[in-house]
Amino acid sequence: ANEMLHHKANLNGYLSYHTGQSLEKINQDTDRDFFMSAKEAKEYGLIDGVIMNPLKALQPLPASSES
């Protein structure tokens, strides 16, 4: 049980650091099921963006003309 609490504390610390949310808020939000939309996840800091057109997202980027 102590090991599980240790891992949860580590994970919450990582989430707090990478999302910019306070550790208190992360602890509260991860205590129980917490669902959010894609927009809410972006605002929370969990994701960078939402792919609206997956086929377009898979296209290679144009080659840079810098040499």
N, C-alpha and C. Protein backbone atom coordinates (compact mmCIF):
# COMPACT_ATOMS: atom_id res chain seq x y z
N ALA A 1 0.84 -1.20 0.00
CA ALA A 1 0.00 0.00 0.00
C ALA A 1 0.88 1.26 0.00
N ASN A 2 1.96 1.23 0.77
CA ASN A 2 2.85 2.40 0.81
C ASN A 2 3.51 2.64 -0.54
N GLU A 3 3.86 1.56 -1.23
CA GLU A 3 4.49 1.71 -2.54
C GLU A 3 3.51 2.34 -3.53
N MET A 4 2.24 1.94 -3.46
CA MET A 4 1.23 2.49 -4.34
C MET A 4 1.05 3.99 -4.08
N LEU A 5 1.03 4.39 -2.82
CA LEU A 5 0.91 5.81 -2.48
C LEU A 5 2.13 6.59 -2.95
N HIS A 6 3.29 5.96 -2.87
CA HIS A 6 4.53 6.59 -3.34
C HIS A 6 4.46 6.84 -4.85
N HIS A 7 4.00 5.85 -5.61
CA HIS A 7 3.89 5.99 -7.07
C HIS A 7 2.85 7.05 -7.43
N LYS A 8 1.73 7.07 -6.70
CA LYS A 8 0.70 8.07 -6.97
C LYS A 8 1.25 9.48 -6.71
N ALA A 9 2.00 9.65 -5.64
CA ALA A 9 2.59 10.95 -5.33
C ALA A 9 3.58 11.37 -6.42
N ASN A 10 4.39 10.44 -6.90
CA ASN A 10 5.32 10.74 -7.99
C ASN A 10 4.58 11.15 -9.25
N LEU A 11 3.57 10.38 -9.63
CA LEU A 11 2.80 10.67 -10.84
C LEU A 11 2.12 12.03 -10.72
N ASN A 12 1.53 12.32 -9.56
CA ASN A 12 0.87 13.60 -9.38
C ASN A 12 1.87 14.76 -9.46
N GLY A 13 3.07 14.53 -8.97
CA GLY A 13 4.11 15.54 -9.08
C GLY A 13 4.47 15.81 -10.52
N TYR A 14 4.61 14.75 -11.31
CA TYR A 14 4.90 14.90 -12.74
C TYR A 14 3.76 15.65 -13.44
N LEU A 15 2.52 15.26 -13.14
CA LEU A 15 1.37 15.92 -13.76
C LEU A 15 1.33 17.40 -13.40
N SER A 16 1.59 17.71 -12.15
CA SER A 16 1.59 19.10 -11.71
C SER A 16 2.66 19.90 -12.45
N TYR A 17 3.85 19.34 -12.55
CA TYR A 17 4.96 20.02 -13.22
C TYR A 17 4.66 20.27 -14.70
N HIS A 18 4.15 19.26 -15.39
CA HIS A 18 3.97 19.36 -16.84
C HIS A 18 2.69 20.08 -17.24
N THR A 19 1.67 20.09 -16.37
CA THR A 19 0.43 20.78 -16.72
C THR A 19 0.39 22.21 -16.20
N GLY A 20 1.21 22.51 -15.20
CA GLY A 20 1.17 23.84 -14.60
C GLY A 20 0.08 23.97 -13.54
N GLN A 21 -0.62 22.88 -13.26
CA GLN A 21 -1.65 22.90 -12.22
C GLN A 21 -0.98 22.74 -10.86
N SER A 22 -1.65 23.24 -9.81
CA SER A 22 -1.09 23.08 -8.46
C SER A 22 -1.17 21.61 -8.06
N LEU A 23 -0.25 21.20 -7.20
CA LEU A 23 -0.25 19.82 -6.72
C LEU A 23 -1.55 19.52 -5.98
N GLU A 24 -2.08 20.50 -5.27
CA GLU A 24 -3.35 20.32 -4.55
C GLU A 24 -4.48 20.02 -5.53
N LYS A 25 -4.53 20.76 -6.65
CA LYS A 25 -5.58 20.53 -7.66
C LYS A 25 -5.40 19.16 -8.31
N ILE A 26 -4.17 18.79 -8.63
CA ILE A 26 -3.91 17.47 -9.22
C ILE A 26 -4.35 16.37 -8.26
N ASN A 27 -3.99 16.50 -6.98
CA ASN A 27 -4.40 15.50 -5.99
C ASN A 27 -5.92 15.38 -5.93
N GLN A 28 -6.60 16.51 -5.95
CA GLN A 28 -8.07 16.50 -5.90
C GLN A 28 -8.65 15.86 -7.16
N ASP A 29 -8.12 16.23 -8.32
CA ASP A 29 -8.67 15.74 -9.59
C ASP A 29 -8.37 14.27 -9.84
N THR A 30 -7.29 13.74 -9.28
CA THR A 30 -6.94 12.33 -9.51
C THR A 30 -7.42 11.41 -8.40
N ASP A 31 -8.08 11.96 -7.40
CA ASP A 31 -8.57 11.14 -6.29
C ASP A 31 -9.70 10.21 -6.75
N ARG A 32 -10.52 10.67 -7.65
CA ARG A 32 -11.65 9.90 -8.19
C ARG A 32 -11.66 10.06 -9.71
N ASP A 33 -12.57 9.36 -10.37
CA ASP A 33 -12.72 9.52 -11.82
C ASP A 33 -12.95 10.99 -12.14
N PHE A 34 -12.24 11.49 -13.12
CA PHE A 34 -12.34 12.90 -13.51
C PHE A 34 -12.31 12.94 -15.03
N PHE A 35 -13.44 13.21 -15.64
CA PHE A 35 -13.56 13.20 -17.09
C PHE A 35 -13.57 14.63 -17.61
N MET A 36 -12.97 14.82 -18.79
CA MET A 36 -12.98 16.14 -19.41
C MET A 36 -13.00 15.98 -20.92
N SER A 37 -13.49 17.01 -21.58
CA SER A 37 -13.51 17.02 -23.04
C SER A 37 -12.10 17.30 -23.56
N ALA A 38 -11.94 17.17 -24.86
CA ALA A 38 -10.64 17.46 -25.47
C ALA A 38 -10.26 18.92 -25.23
N LYS A 39 -11.22 19.81 -25.35
CA LYS A 39 -10.96 21.24 -25.11
C LYS A 39 -10.53 21.47 -23.66
N GLU A 40 -11.22 20.83 -22.73
CA GLU A 40 -10.87 20.97 -21.31
C GLU A 40 -9.48 20.39 -21.03
N ALA A 41 -9.14 19.28 -21.67
CA ALA A 41 -7.82 18.66 -21.48
C ALA A 41 -6.72 19.59 -21.99
N LYS A 42 -6.97 20.30 -23.09
CA LYS A 42 -5.99 21.25 -23.61
C LYS A 42 -5.84 22.42 -22.65
N GLU A 43 -6.96 22.95 -22.16
CA GLU A 43 -6.91 24.06 -21.21
C GLU A 43 -6.23 23.66 -19.91
N TYR A 44 -6.40 22.42 -19.50
CA TYR A 44 -5.81 21.89 -18.27
C TYR A 44 -4.30 21.71 -18.41
N GLY A 45 -3.85 21.50 -19.66
CA GLY A 45 -2.43 21.32 -19.92
C GLY A 45 -2.03 19.88 -20.14
N LEU A 46 -3.00 18.97 -20.27
CA LEU A 46 -2.69 17.55 -20.48
C LEU A 46 -2.25 17.25 -21.90
N ILE A 47 -2.80 18.00 -22.86
CA ILE A 47 -2.50 17.74 -24.27
C ILE A 47 -2.09 19.04 -24.95
N ASP A 48 -1.37 18.92 -26.06
CA ASP A 48 -0.95 20.09 -26.82
C ASP A 48 -2.03 20.55 -27.79
N GLY A 49 -2.81 19.62 -28.30
CA GLY A 49 -3.83 19.96 -29.27
C GLY A 49 -4.66 18.75 -29.63
N VAL A 50 -5.66 19.00 -30.45
CA VAL A 50 -6.57 17.94 -30.89
C VAL A 50 -6.47 17.83 -32.40
N ILE A 51 -6.27 16.64 -32.91
CA ILE A 51 -6.19 16.40 -34.35
C ILE A 51 -7.62 16.29 -34.88
N MET A 52 -8.02 17.26 -35.68
CA MET A 52 -9.37 17.26 -36.23
C MET A 52 -9.45 16.48 -37.54
N ASN A 53 -8.36 16.44 -38.30
CA ASN A 53 -8.33 15.73 -39.57
C ASN A 53 -7.12 14.80 -39.54
N PRO A 54 -7.31 13.53 -39.13
CA PRO A 54 -6.17 12.63 -38.98
C PRO A 54 -5.40 12.39 -40.29
N LEU A 55 -6.07 12.36 -41.42
CA LEU A 55 -5.37 12.14 -42.68
C LEU A 55 -4.43 13.29 -43.00
N LYS A 56 -4.87 14.52 -42.75
CA LYS A 56 -4.02 15.68 -42.98
C LYS A 56 -2.86 15.69 -42.00
N ALA A 57 -3.10 15.27 -40.77
CA ALA A 57 -2.05 15.26 -39.74
C ALA A 57 -0.95 14.25 -40.08
N LEU A 58 -1.27 13.23 -40.86
CA LEU A 58 -0.29 12.21 -41.21
C LEU A 58 0.56 12.59 -42.42
N GLN A 59 0.22 13.69 -43.11
CA GLN A 59 0.98 14.11 -44.27
C GLN A 59 2.36 14.61 -43.83
N PRO A 60 3.41 14.27 -44.59
CA PRO A 60 4.75 14.75 -44.23
C PRO A 60 4.84 16.27 -44.36
N LEU A 61 5.65 16.87 -43.52
CA LEU A 61 5.87 18.31 -43.61
C LEU A 61 6.73 18.61 -44.82
N PRO A 62 6.55 19.77 -45.47
CA PRO A 62 7.39 20.11 -46.62
C PRO A 62 8.85 20.23 -46.18
N ALA A 63 9.75 19.86 -47.09
CA ALA A 63 11.18 19.94 -46.80
C ALA A 63 11.59 21.39 -46.63
N SER A 64 12.46 21.63 -45.69
CA SER A 64 12.96 22.98 -45.43
C SER A 64 13.93 23.38 -46.54
N SER A 65 13.87 24.65 -46.97
CA SER A 65 14.77 25.13 -48.02
C SER A 65 16.09 25.62 -47.44
N GLU A 66 16.24 25.59 -46.11
CA GLU A 66 17.50 26.00 -45.48
C GLU A 66 18.54 24.91 -45.62
N SER A 67 19.76 25.31 -45.93
CA SER A 67 20.85 24.33 -46.05
C SER A 67 22.02 24.71 -45.20
